[in-house]
Amino acid sequence: MATGTVSASINVDVKRIVANRLREAGTTANEVIRNLWEHIAATGEIPSFNEGAAPEKNTEPEAFRRLMQLRAAVPSNTPLVTMDAAALRAELENRDA
């Protein structure tokens, strides 16, 4: 069977987030796109992802959300509260797990 290539431009941040989510799900962008196109070819239905007032989804990675929750829970009288992201990362990397 002959194949063709489909190409699209996407925001680099969205691409990074989606690549991580696809990896976590054990799939690839090719598989998702191929399945979408095969669905459209088989059914004639083009899914719409912008209809209605869908709730806004948080696109931050889960690890980042957990880090922010941890940071918010730190008592305000500790040095961690005043650290910027780079200093906080270095501090946490140097701690025993």
Protein backbone atom coordinates (compact mmCIF):
# COMPACT_ATOMS: atom_id res chain seq x y z
CA MET A 1 0.00 0.00 0.00
CA ALA A 2 1.34 3.43 -0.93
CA THR A 3 1.58 5.98 1.87
CA GLY A 4 1.52 9.77 2.00
CA THR A 5 2.77 12.29 4.53
CA VAL A 6 0.62 14.73 6.51
CA SER A 7 2.32 17.77 8.02
CA ALA A 8 1.17 20.45 10.44
CA SER A 9 2.72 23.29 12.42
CA ILE A 10 2.15 23.35 16.18
CA ASN A 11 3.20 25.54 19.09
CA VAL A 12 6.50 24.16 20.46
CA ASP A 13 5.18 24.08 24.05
CA VAL A 14 2.09 22.14 22.99
CA LYS A 15 4.29 19.77 20.98
CA ARG A 16 6.51 19.08 24.02
CA ILE A 17 3.53 18.48 26.31
CA VAL A 18 1.79 16.20 23.82
CA ALA A 19 4.99 14.24 23.14
CA ASN A 20 5.26 13.53 26.88
CA ARG A 21 1.61 12.52 27.14
CA LEU A 22 1.84 10.25 24.10
CA ARG A 23 4.95 8.59 25.53
CA GLU A 24 3.15 8.05 28.86
CA ALA A 25 0.22 6.50 26.96
CA GLY A 26 2.54 4.22 25.00
CA THR A 27 1.61 5.61 21.60
CA THR A 28 3.06 7.94 19.00
CA ALA A 29 1.93 11.00 17.09
CA ASN A 30 1.93 8.89 13.91
CA GLU A 31 -0.47 6.36 15.45
CA VAL A 32 -2.84 9.05 16.73
CA ILE A 33 -2.88 10.93 13.43
CA ARG A 34 -3.22 7.73 11.40
CA ASN A 35 -6.15 6.60 13.59
CA LEU A 36 -7.84 10.00 13.23
CA TRP A 37 -7.51 9.99 9.43
CA GLU A 38 -8.70 6.37 9.19
CA HIS A 39 -11.71 7.27 11.35
CA ILE A 40 -12.58 10.20 9.07
CA ALA A 41 -12.15 8.03 5.96
CA ALA A 42 -14.32 5.24 7.39
CA THR A 43 -17.12 7.36 8.89
CA GLY A 44 -17.01 10.71 7.10
CA GLU A 45 -17.16 12.25 10.58
CA ILE A 46 -14.66 14.96 11.38
CA PRO A 47 -14.38 15.31 15.16
CA SER A 48 -14.67 18.87 16.45
CA PHE A 49 -12.65 19.74 19.50
CA ASN A 50 -13.75 23.39 19.71
CA GLU A 51 -17.54 23.09 19.91
CA GLY A 52 -19.34 24.26 23.02
CA ALA A 53 -17.83 25.58 26.18
CA ALA A 54 -15.54 22.73 27.09
CA PRO A 55 -13.86 23.16 30.45
CA GLU A 56 -10.35 24.55 30.22
CA LYS A 57 -7.78 21.85 30.77
CA ASN A 58 -4.59 22.33 32.71
CA THR A 59 -1.71 21.60 30.33
CA GLU A 60 1.03 21.66 32.96
CA PRO A 61 2.83 18.34 33.43
CA GLU A 62 1.75 16.40 36.53
CA ALA A 63 5.26 16.55 38.04
CA PHE A 64 5.20 20.35 37.82
CA ARG A 65 1.77 20.52 39.50
CA ARG A 66 3.03 18.28 42.31
CA LEU A 67 6.12 20.47 42.73
CA MET A 68 3.96 23.60 42.97
CA GLN A 69 1.71 21.90 45.56
CA LEU A 70 4.78 20.93 47.57
CA ARG A 71 6.15 24.44 47.30
CA ALA A 72 2.84 25.94 48.47
CA ALA A 73 2.81 23.60 51.48
CA VAL A 74 6.28 24.65 52.68
CA PRO A 75 6.08 26.71 55.90
CA SER A 76 6.73 30.37 55.19
CA ASN A 77 9.68 30.60 57.59
CA THR A 78 11.96 28.27 55.58
CA PRO A 79 14.58 29.26 52.99
CA LEU A 80 12.74 27.24 50.31
CA VAL A 81 9.99 29.85 50.10
CA THR A 82 12.33 32.56 48.83
CA MET A 83 14.17 30.41 46.27
CA ASP A 84 13.60 30.84 42.57
CA ALA A 85 12.87 27.79 40.41
CA ALA A 86 16.53 27.06 39.60
CA ALA A 87 17.65 27.28 43.23
CA LEU A 88 14.71 25.16 44.40
CA ARG A 89 15.50 22.51 41.77
CA ALA A 90 19.18 22.44 42.82
CA GLU A 91 18.21 22.13 46.50
CA LEU A 92 15.80 19.26 45.85
CA GLU A 93 18.28 17.44 43.57
CA ASN A 94 20.90 17.54 46.35
CA ARG A 95 18.59 15.95 48.94
CA ASP A 96 18.44 12.24 49.61
CA ALA A 97 15.36 10.61 48.12
